[in-house]
Amino acid sequence: MRPLRRKMEITEPVTMLTDYALAAVSFVFAYIMGCNIGPRTRVSAWLWCAAFVASGSAAALGGTYHGFTKYVEPGTLRTLWSLTTYSMGASTALMAAGVHSAHIRPEDGTIRWLVSGILVTLIGIVVQQTGVRRGQNFNHNDAYHLIQIVGLYCLYRSARTLRDRPGIER
């Protein structure tokens, strides 16, 4: 006789999936940036690579938080959410450091992609704060995650054009 199994129920399945999609995109950008670290991008590309790893970690942790709330102790949930927010902060700080370490040339599109990434991210934050819902399963967090994928793409495009500032130790 087979033991009865309880079916696992995902708390917020769409939020979990969009978070995991955001994590996957972030990790792909981190991998590509890591593969492009060279003599002229040793500092800036490394910082952007680390920023995308932190962003991917935040999204993966957030997806786990949203997906498995019913199965995790409250103290562990608080820790999971704290790690999520710390990772988001680290990602932002590493992106700022990546820009600061770079020699930015307006003619190569760096500024346009960077500003676009920041604006798309801000639009996503505004949408997230509205609490909008589309149907039973799609909410403000899901919309933010999808918008942020576009924002990260713009930031990635900006990072790809950066070269280290002259005088940075290599």
N, C-alpha and C. Protein backbone atom coordinates (compact mmCIF):
# COMPACT_ATOMS: atom_id res chain seq x y z
N MET A 1 0.83 -1.17 0.00
CA MET A 1 0.00 0.00 0.00
C MET A 1 0.88 1.25 0.00
N ARG A 2 0.59 2.19 -0.90
CA ARG A 2 1.36 3.42 -1.03
C ARG A 2 0.89 4.45 -0.01
N PRO A 3 1.84 5.15 0.60
CA PRO A 3 1.44 6.21 1.54
C PRO A 3 0.78 7.36 0.77
N LEU A 4 -0.15 8.02 1.41
CA LEU A 4 -0.81 9.17 0.80
C LEU A 4 0.15 10.35 0.78
N ARG A 5 0.20 11.05 -0.33
CA ARG A 5 1.04 12.24 -0.44
C ARG A 5 0.17 13.46 -0.52
N ARG A 6 0.58 14.47 0.22
CA ARG A 6 -0.10 15.75 0.10
C ARG A 6 0.47 16.51 -1.08
N LYS A 7 -0.38 17.10 -1.83
CA LYS A 7 0.05 17.88 -2.98
C LYS A 7 0.59 19.23 -2.50
N MET A 8 1.79 19.58 -2.95
CA MET A 8 2.38 20.85 -2.56
C MET A 8 1.68 21.98 -3.31
N GLU A 9 1.34 23.00 -2.58
CA GLU A 9 0.66 24.15 -3.17
C GLU A 9 1.59 25.35 -3.16
N ILE A 10 1.84 25.89 -4.32
CA ILE A 10 2.67 27.09 -4.45
C ILE A 10 1.82 28.28 -4.03
N THR A 11 2.37 29.13 -3.16
CA THR A 11 1.61 30.24 -2.61
C THR A 11 1.23 31.26 -3.69
N GLU A 12 2.21 31.77 -4.41
CA GLU A 12 1.99 32.74 -5.49
C GLU A 12 2.74 32.24 -6.73
N PRO A 13 2.12 31.37 -7.51
CA PRO A 13 2.86 30.72 -8.60
C PRO A 13 3.36 31.68 -9.68
N VAL A 14 2.56 32.65 -10.08
CA VAL A 14 3.01 33.56 -11.14
C VAL A 14 4.13 34.46 -10.64
N THR A 15 4.01 34.92 -9.41
CA THR A 15 5.07 35.76 -8.83
C THR A 15 6.36 34.96 -8.72
N MET A 16 6.26 33.72 -8.29
CA MET A 16 7.44 32.87 -8.19
C MET A 16 8.08 32.68 -9.57
N LEU A 17 7.27 32.37 -10.57
CA LEU A 17 7.80 32.14 -11.92
C LEU A 17 8.42 33.38 -12.53
N THR A 18 7.76 34.55 -12.36
CA THR A 18 8.33 35.77 -12.92
C THR A 18 9.60 36.16 -12.17
N ASP A 19 9.66 35.90 -10.88
CA ASP A 19 10.89 36.13 -10.12
C ASP A 19 12.01 35.22 -10.63
N TYR A 20 11.70 33.95 -10.83
CA TYR A 20 12.71 33.01 -11.33
C TYR A 20 13.14 33.37 -12.76
N ALA A 21 12.23 33.89 -13.57
CA ALA A 21 12.60 34.35 -14.91
C ALA A 21 13.56 35.54 -14.81
N LEU A 22 13.27 36.45 -13.90
CA LEU A 22 14.14 37.60 -13.66
C LEU A 22 15.52 37.12 -13.19
N ALA A 23 15.54 36.12 -12.33
CA ALA A 23 16.81 35.57 -11.85
C ALA A 23 17.60 34.95 -13.01
N ALA A 24 16.92 34.19 -13.85
CA ALA A 24 17.59 33.55 -14.98
C ALA A 24 18.22 34.58 -15.91
N VAL A 25 17.46 35.62 -16.23
CA VAL A 25 17.97 36.69 -17.10
C VAL A 25 19.18 37.35 -16.45
N SER A 26 19.09 37.63 -15.17
CA SER A 26 20.21 38.27 -14.46
C SER A 26 21.46 37.40 -14.49
N PHE A 27 21.29 36.10 -14.26
CA PHE A 27 22.44 35.21 -14.26
C PHE A 27 23.05 35.06 -15.66
N VAL A 28 22.22 35.10 -16.69
CA VAL A 28 22.74 35.06 -18.06
C VAL A 28 23.56 36.32 -18.34
N PHE A 29 23.04 37.49 -17.94
CA PHE A 29 23.80 38.73 -18.13
C PHE A 29 25.11 38.69 -17.34
N ALA A 30 25.07 38.14 -16.13
CA ALA A 30 26.29 38.02 -15.32
C ALA A 30 27.31 37.14 -16.03
N TYR A 31 26.86 36.03 -16.58
CA TYR A 31 27.76 35.11 -17.28
C TYR A 31 28.40 35.81 -18.49
N ILE A 32 27.58 36.50 -19.27
CA ILE A 32 28.11 37.17 -20.46
C ILE A 32 29.11 38.26 -20.06
N MET A 33 28.76 39.02 -19.02
CA MET A 33 29.69 40.06 -18.57
C MET A 33 30.99 39.43 -18.07
N GLY A 34 30.88 38.31 -17.36
CA GLY A 34 32.07 37.63 -16.88
C GLY A 34 32.96 37.14 -18.00
N CYS A 35 32.34 36.68 -19.08
CA CYS A 35 33.10 36.21 -20.24
C CYS A 35 33.78 37.35 -20.97
N ASN A 36 33.34 38.58 -20.74
CA ASN A 36 33.89 39.73 -21.45
C ASN A 36 34.83 40.58 -20.61
N ILE A 37 35.26 40.04 -19.49
CA ILE A 37 36.25 40.77 -18.69
C ILE A 37 37.58 40.67 -19.42
N GLY A 38 38.15 41.82 -19.70
CA GLY A 38 39.42 41.86 -20.44
C GLY A 38 40.28 42.99 -19.93
N PRO A 39 41.37 43.25 -20.61
CA PRO A 39 42.31 44.27 -20.15
C PRO A 39 41.70 45.66 -20.04
N ARG A 40 40.73 45.98 -20.90
CA ARG A 40 40.13 47.32 -20.87
C ARG A 40 38.86 47.38 -20.03
N THR A 41 38.41 46.23 -19.53
CA THR A 41 37.16 46.19 -18.76
C THR A 41 37.31 45.41 -17.45
N ARG A 42 38.52 45.27 -17.00
CA ARG A 42 38.78 44.41 -15.84
C ARG A 42 37.97 44.83 -14.61
N VAL A 43 37.84 46.11 -14.34
CA VAL A 43 37.15 46.58 -13.14
C VAL A 43 35.65 46.75 -13.40
N SER A 44 35.31 47.52 -14.43
CA SER A 44 33.89 47.83 -14.67
C SER A 44 33.08 46.58 -15.01
N ALA A 45 33.61 45.70 -15.84
CA ALA A 45 32.85 44.49 -16.21
C ALA A 45 32.71 43.57 -15.00
N TRP A 46 33.75 43.48 -14.17
CA TRP A 46 33.66 42.64 -12.99
C TRP A 46 32.57 43.17 -12.06
N LEU A 47 32.51 44.48 -11.87
CA LEU A 47 31.48 45.07 -11.00
C LEU A 47 30.08 44.82 -11.56
N TRP A 48 29.91 44.95 -12.87
CA TRP A 48 28.61 44.69 -13.48
C TRP A 48 28.26 43.21 -13.39
N CYS A 49 29.23 42.34 -13.57
CA CYS A 49 29.00 40.91 -13.42
C CYS A 49 28.50 40.62 -12.01
N ALA A 50 29.16 41.17 -11.02
CA ALA A 50 28.75 40.98 -9.62
C ALA A 50 27.37 41.57 -9.37
N ALA A 51 27.07 42.71 -10.01
CA ALA A 51 25.76 43.33 -9.85
C ALA A 51 24.65 42.42 -10.38
N PHE A 52 24.89 41.80 -11.53
CA PHE A 52 23.89 40.89 -12.09
C PHE A 52 23.76 39.62 -11.26
N VAL A 53 24.85 39.15 -10.66
CA VAL A 53 24.76 38.00 -9.75
C VAL A 53 23.91 38.37 -8.53
N ALA A 54 24.14 39.55 -7.98
CA ALA A 54 23.36 40.00 -6.82
C ALA A 54 21.89 40.17 -7.20
N SER A 55 21.63 40.71 -8.38
CA SER A 55 20.25 40.87 -8.85
C SER A 55 19.58 39.51 -9.04
N GLY A 56 20.29 38.58 -9.63
CA GLY A 56 19.75 37.23 -9.82
C GLY A 56 19.50 36.54 -8.49
N SER A 57 20.39 36.75 -7.54
CA SER A 57 20.21 36.16 -6.21
C SER A 57 18.97 36.74 -5.54
N ALA A 58 18.80 38.05 -5.65
CA ALA A 58 17.62 38.70 -5.07
C ALA A 58 16.34 38.13 -5.67
N ALA A 59 16.32 37.97 -6.98
CA ALA A 59 15.13 37.46 -7.65
C ALA A 59 14.87 36.00 -7.27
N ALA A 60 15.92 35.19 -7.21
CA ALA A 60 15.74 33.78 -6.84
C ALA A 60 15.25 33.65 -5.39
N LEU A 61 15.83 34.43 -4.50
CA LEU A 61 15.38 34.43 -3.11
C LEU A 61 13.94 34.92 -3.00
N GLY A 62 13.63 36.00 -3.74
CA GLY A 62 12.27 36.52 -3.74
C GLY A 62 11.26 35.53 -4.28
N GLY A 63 11.63 34.81 -5.32
CA GLY A 63 10.74 33.79 -5.88
C GLY A 63 10.48 32.68 -4.88
N THR A 64 11.52 32.29 -4.17
CA THR A 64 11.36 31.26 -3.14
C THR A 64 10.46 31.77 -2.02
N TYR A 65 10.66 33.01 -1.62
CA TYR A 65 9.82 33.62 -0.59
C TYR A 65 8.36 33.61 -1.01
N HIS A 66 8.09 34.10 -2.21
CA HIS A 66 6.70 34.19 -2.69
C HIS A 66 6.08 32.81 -2.97
N GLY A 67 6.89 31.87 -3.38
CA GLY A 67 6.34 30.58 -3.77
C GLY A 67 6.08 29.61 -2.65
N PHE A 68 6.88 29.71 -1.59
CA PHE A 68 6.81 28.67 -0.57
C PHE A 68 6.51 29.21 0.83
N THR A 69 5.81 30.31 0.91
CA THR A 69 5.48 30.95 2.19
C THR A 69 4.80 29.99 3.16
N LYS A 70 3.93 29.14 2.66
CA LYS A 70 3.18 28.22 3.52
C LYS A 70 4.05 27.17 4.18
N TYR A 71 5.24 26.93 3.63
CA TYR A 71 6.06 25.81 4.09
C TYR A 71 7.31 26.24 4.86
N VAL A 72 7.45 27.53 5.10
CA VAL A 72 8.66 28.04 5.74
C VAL A 72 8.27 28.74 7.05
N GLU A 73 9.05 28.50 8.08
CA GLU A 73 8.80 29.12 9.39
C GLU A 73 8.89 30.65 9.28
N PRO A 74 8.12 31.38 10.10
CA PRO A 74 8.12 32.85 10.03
C PRO A 74 9.51 33.48 10.18
N GLY A 75 10.32 32.96 11.09
CA GLY A 75 11.67 33.51 11.27
C GLY A 75 12.53 33.30 10.03
N THR A 76 12.40 32.15 9.42
CA THR A 76 13.14 31.87 8.20
C THR A 76 12.65 32.75 7.06
N LEU A 77 11.33 32.98 7.02
CA LEU A 77 10.78 33.88 6.00
C LEU A 77 11.35 35.29 6.14
N ARG A 78 11.43 35.78 7.37
CA ARG A 78 12.00 37.12 7.59
C ARG A 78 13.45 37.17 7.11
N THR A 79 14.20 36.13 7.42
CA THR A 79 15.59 36.06 6.98
C THR A 79 15.68 36.02 5.46
N LEU A 80 14.82 35.21 4.85
CA LEU A 80 14.80 35.10 3.39
C LEU A 80 14.50 36.45 2.76
N TRP A 81 13.52 37.17 3.31
CA TRP A 81 13.17 38.48 2.76
C TRP A 81 14.29 39.49 3.00
N SER A 82 14.93 39.43 4.17
CA SER A 82 16.07 40.32 4.44
C SER A 82 17.19 40.08 3.44
N LEU A 83 17.51 38.81 3.17
CA LEU A 83 18.55 38.49 2.18
C LEU A 83 18.16 38.99 0.80
N THR A 84 16.86 38.92 0.48
CA THR A 84 16.37 39.44 -0.80
C THR A 84 16.64 40.93 -0.91
N THR A 85 16.26 41.69 0.11
CA THR A 85 16.44 43.15 0.06
C THR A 85 17.91 43.54 0.11
N TYR A 86 18.73 42.81 0.89
CA TYR A 86 20.16 43.10 0.92
C TYR A 86 20.78 42.85 -0.46
N SER A 87 20.36 41.80 -1.13
CA SER A 87 20.87 41.50 -2.47
C SER A 87 20.47 42.58 -3.47
N MET A 88 19.24 43.09 -3.35
CA MET A 88 18.83 44.19 -4.23
C MET A 88 19.69 45.43 -3.99
N GLY A 89 19.96 45.73 -2.73
CA GLY A 89 20.82 46.87 -2.41
C GLY A 89 22.23 46.67 -2.92
N ALA A 90 22.75 45.46 -2.76
CA ALA A 90 24.10 45.17 -3.26
C ALA A 90 24.16 45.33 -4.77
N SER A 91 23.13 44.87 -5.46
CA SER A 91 23.10 44.98 -6.91
C SER A 91 23.15 46.45 -7.33
N THR A 92 22.35 47.27 -6.68
CA THR A 92 22.32 48.71 -7.00
C THR A 92 23.68 49.34 -6.73
N ALA A 93 24.28 49.03 -5.59
CA ALA A 93 25.59 49.60 -5.25
C ALA A 93 26.67 49.16 -6.24
N LEU A 94 26.64 47.89 -6.64
CA LEU A 94 27.63 47.39 -7.60
C LEU A 94 27.44 48.01 -8.98
N MET A 95 26.19 48.24 -9.37
CA MET A 95 25.95 48.93 -10.66
C MET A 95 26.50 50.35 -10.60
N ALA A 96 26.24 51.05 -9.51
CA ALA A 96 26.76 52.42 -9.36
C ALA A 96 28.29 52.41 -9.39
N ALA A 97 28.90 51.44 -8.72
CA ALA A 97 30.36 51.35 -8.74
C ALA A 97 30.87 51.02 -10.14
N GLY A 98 30.14 50.18 -10.86
CA GLY A 98 30.52 49.85 -12.24
C GLY A 98 30.50 51.06 -13.15
N VAL A 99 29.52 51.92 -12.96
CA VAL A 99 29.45 53.17 -13.74
C VAL A 99 30.58 54.10 -13.31
N HIS A 100 30.79 54.21 -12.00
CA HIS A 100 31.82 55.12 -11.48
C HIS A 100 33.22 54.71 -11.95
N SER A 101 33.45 53.42 -12.10
CA SER A 101 34.78 52.95 -12.49
C SER A 101 35.03 53.06 -13.99
N ALA A 102 34.03 53.47 -14.74
CA ALA A 102 34.13 53.45 -16.20
C ALA A 102 34.39 54.83 -16.80
N HIS A 103 34.99 54.78 -17.95
CA HIS A 103 35.15 55.97 -18.78
C HIS A 103 33.94 55.98 -19.72
N ILE A 104 33.02 56.89 -19.47
CA ILE A 104 31.77 56.91 -20.23
C ILE A 104 31.91 57.85 -21.42
N ARG A 105 31.61 57.30 -22.58
CA ARG A 105 31.69 58.05 -23.83
C ARG A 105 30.26 58.20 -24.37
N PRO A 106 29.75 59.42 -24.45
CA PRO A 106 28.36 59.61 -24.90
C PRO A 106 28.09 59.06 -26.30
N GLU A 107 29.10 59.03 -27.15
CA GLU A 107 28.88 58.62 -28.54
C GLU A 107 28.62 57.13 -28.71
N ASP A 108 28.90 56.31 -27.70
CA ASP A 108 28.72 54.86 -27.87
C ASP A 108 27.39 54.33 -27.34
N GLY A 109 26.51 55.21 -26.91
CA GLY A 109 25.18 54.80 -26.45
C GLY A 109 25.10 54.43 -24.98
N THR A 110 26.22 54.51 -24.28
CA THR A 110 26.23 54.12 -22.86
C THR A 110 25.20 54.90 -22.06
N ILE A 111 25.21 56.20 -22.20
CA ILE A 111 24.31 57.04 -21.41
C ILE A 111 22.86 56.76 -21.78
N ARG A 112 22.57 56.63 -23.05
CA ARG A 112 21.20 56.36 -23.50
C ARG A 112 20.68 55.05 -22.91
N TRP A 113 21.49 53.98 -22.97
CA TRP A 113 21.07 52.70 -22.40
C TRP A 113 20.96 52.77 -20.88
N LEU A 114 21.88 53.46 -20.24
CA LEU A 114 21.86 53.59 -18.78
C LEU A 114 20.62 54.34 -18.31
N VAL A 115 20.34 55.47 -18.93
CA VAL A 115 19.15 56.26 -18.57
C VAL A 115 17.89 55.46 -18.86
N SER A 116 17.85 54.76 -19.98
CA SER A 116 16.69 53.92 -20.31
C SER A 116 16.47 52.85 -19.24
N GLY A 117 17.55 52.20 -18.81
CA GLY A 117 17.45 51.17 -17.77
C GLY A 117 16.93 51.73 -16.46
N ILE A 118 17.41 52.90 -16.10
CA ILE A 118 16.95 53.54 -14.86
C ILE A 118 15.48 53.93 -14.98
N LEU A 119 15.10 54.53 -16.11
CA LEU A 119 13.70 54.94 -16.29
C LEU A 119 12.75 53.74 -16.31
N VAL A 120 13.12 52.68 -17.00
CA VAL A 120 12.27 51.48 -17.04
C VAL A 120 12.14 50.90 -15.63
N THR A 121 13.24 50.88 -14.88
CA THR A 121 13.19 50.39 -13.50
C THR A 121 12.25 51.25 -12.66
N LEU A 122 12.34 52.57 -12.81
CA LEU A 122 11.45 53.46 -12.06
C LEU A 122 9.99 53.25 -12.44
N ILE A 123 9.73 53.05 -13.72
CA ILE A 123 8.35 52.75 -14.16
C ILE A 123 7.88 51.46 -13.51
N GLY A 124 8.73 50.45 -13.46
CA GLY A 124 8.38 49.19 -12.82
C GLY A 124 8.06 49.38 -11.34
N ILE A 125 8.84 50.21 -10.67
CA ILE A 125 8.59 50.47 -9.24
C ILE A 125 7.24 51.16 -9.05
N VAL A 126 6.94 52.13 -9.92
CA VAL A 126 5.64 52.81 -9.83
C VAL A 126 4.50 51.80 -10.04
N VAL A 127 4.63 50.96 -11.04
CA VAL A 127 3.60 49.94 -11.30
C VAL A 127 3.47 49.02 -10.10
N GLN A 128 4.58 48.61 -9.53
CA GLN A 128 4.54 47.72 -8.37
C GLN A 128 3.83 48.39 -7.19
N GLN A 129 4.05 49.66 -7.00
CA GLN A 129 3.44 50.36 -5.87
C GLN A 129 1.95 50.59 -6.04
N THR A 130 1.44 50.47 -7.25
CA THR A 130 -0.01 50.69 -7.46
C THR A 130 -0.84 49.55 -6.91
N GLY A 131 -0.25 48.37 -6.78
CA GLY A 131 -1.01 47.22 -6.30
C GLY A 131 -1.97 46.67 -7.35
N VAL A 132 -1.75 46.98 -8.61
CA VAL A 132 -2.64 46.57 -9.70
C VAL A 132 -2.72 45.05 -9.80
N ARG A 133 -3.89 44.56 -10.16
CA ARG A 133 -4.11 43.12 -10.39
C ARG A 133 -4.77 42.95 -11.75
N ARG A 134 -4.35 41.94 -12.47
CA ARG A 134 -4.98 41.55 -13.74
C ARG A 134 -5.43 40.11 -13.58
N GLY A 135 -6.66 39.90 -13.28
CA GLY A 135 -7.15 38.55 -13.08
C GLY A 135 -6.78 38.03 -11.70
N GLN A 136 -7.03 36.78 -11.50
CA GLN A 136 -6.81 36.17 -10.20
C GLN A 136 -5.34 35.94 -9.88
N ASN A 137 -4.54 35.65 -10.90
CA ASN A 137 -3.16 35.23 -10.65
C ASN A 137 -2.08 36.24 -11.00
N PHE A 138 -2.39 37.34 -11.65
CA PHE A 138 -1.36 38.28 -12.09
C PHE A 138 -1.47 39.55 -11.26
N ASN A 139 -0.40 39.88 -10.51
CA ASN A 139 -0.47 41.05 -9.65
C ASN A 139 0.66 42.04 -9.93
N HIS A 140 0.73 43.06 -9.09
CA HIS A 140 1.70 44.14 -9.23
C HIS A 140 3.15 43.64 -9.20
N ASN A 141 3.44 42.62 -8.40
CA ASN A 141 4.79 42.08 -8.36
C ASN A 141 5.17 41.42 -9.69
N ASP A 142 4.20 40.71 -10.27
CA ASP A 142 4.45 40.03 -11.55
C ASP A 142 4.73 41.06 -12.64
N ALA A 143 3.93 42.14 -12.66
CA ALA A 143 4.14 43.21 -13.64
C ALA A 143 5.52 43.83 -13.46
N TYR A 144 5.88 44.09 -12.20
CA TYR A 144 7.20 44.66 -11.93
C TYR A 144 8.32 43.74 -12.45
N HIS A 145 8.21 42.46 -12.18
CA HIS A 145 9.27 41.53 -12.61
C HIS A 145 9.45 41.55 -14.12
N LEU A 146 8.33 41.56 -14.85
CA LEU A 146 8.42 41.58 -16.32
C LEU A 146 8.99 42.89 -16.83
N ILE A 147 8.58 44.00 -16.22
CA ILE A 147 9.14 45.30 -16.60
C ILE A 147 10.62 45.35 -16.26
N GLN A 148 10.99 44.80 -15.11
CA GLN A 148 12.40 44.84 -14.69
C GLN A 148 13.30 44.01 -15.59
N ILE A 149 12.77 42.97 -16.20
CA ILE A 149 13.57 42.22 -17.18
C ILE A 149 14.00 43.15 -18.31
N VAL A 150 13.08 44.00 -18.76
CA VAL A 150 13.41 44.98 -19.81
C VAL A 150 14.43 45.99 -19.26
N GLY A 151 14.22 46.44 -18.03
CA GLY A 151 15.15 47.38 -17.41
C GLY A 151 16.55 46.79 -17.30
N LEU A 152 16.65 45.53 -16.90
CA LEU A 152 17.96 44.89 -16.79
C LEU A 152 18.61 44.73 -18.16
N TYR A 153 17.80 44.48 -19.17
CA TYR A 153 18.37 44.40 -20.52
C TYR A 153 19.01 45.74 -20.91
N CYS A 154 18.32 46.83 -20.64
CA CYS A 154 18.87 48.15 -20.95
C CYS A 154 20.16 48.39 -20.17
N LEU A 155 20.17 48.03 -18.88
CA LEU A 155 21.37 48.21 -18.07
C LEU A 155 22.51 47.32 -18.58
N TYR A 156 22.17 46.11 -18.99
CA TYR A 156 23.17 45.21 -19.57
C TYR A 156 23.77 45.83 -20.83
N ARG A 157 22.92 46.37 -21.69
CA ARG A 157 23.42 47.00 -22.93
C ARG A 157 24.36 48.15 -22.60
N SER A 158 24.03 48.91 -21.57
CA SER A 158 24.91 49.99 -21.14
C SER A 158 26.24 49.43 -20.65
N ALA A 159 26.17 48.41 -19.82
CA ALA A 159 27.38 47.82 -19.25
C ALA A 159 28.30 47.27 -20.33
N ARG A 160 27.73 46.74 -21.40
CA ARG A 160 28.53 46.17 -22.49
C ARG A 160 29.37 47.22 -23.21
N THR A 161 28.98 48.48 -23.13
CA THR A 161 29.72 49.53 -23.83
C THR A 161 30.81 50.15 -22.97
N LEU A 162 30.82 49.86 -21.68
CA LEU A 162 31.75 50.53 -20.76
C LEU A 162 33.17 50.00 -20.88
N ARG A 163 34.11 50.89 -20.68
CA ARG A 163 35.53 50.56 -20.59
C ARG A 163 36.02 51.19 -19.30
N ASP A 164 37.04 50.59 -18.69
CA ASP A 164 37.56 51.11 -17.45
C ASP A 164 38.09 52.54 -17.65
N ARG A 165 37.94 53.32 -16.61
CA ARG A 165 38.44 54.70 -16.60
C ARG A 165 39.98 54.66 -16.68
N PRO A 166 40.55 55.56 -17.43
CA PRO A 166 42.03 55.60 -17.47
C PRO A 166 42.59 55.81 -16.08
N GLY A 167 43.65 55.08 -15.78
CA GLY A 167 44.29 55.23 -14.48
C GLY A 167 43.85 54.20 -13.46
N ILE A 168 42.80 53.41 -13.77
CA ILE A 168 42.38 52.36 -12.84
C ILE A 168 43.39 51.25 -12.95
N GLU A 169 43.88 50.79 -11.79
CA GLU A 169 44.88 49.73 -11.75
C GLU A 169 44.34 48.47 -12.40
N ARG A 170 45.14 47.85 -13.21
CA ARG A 170 44.73 46.62 -13.90
C ARG A 170 45.50 45.46 -13.39
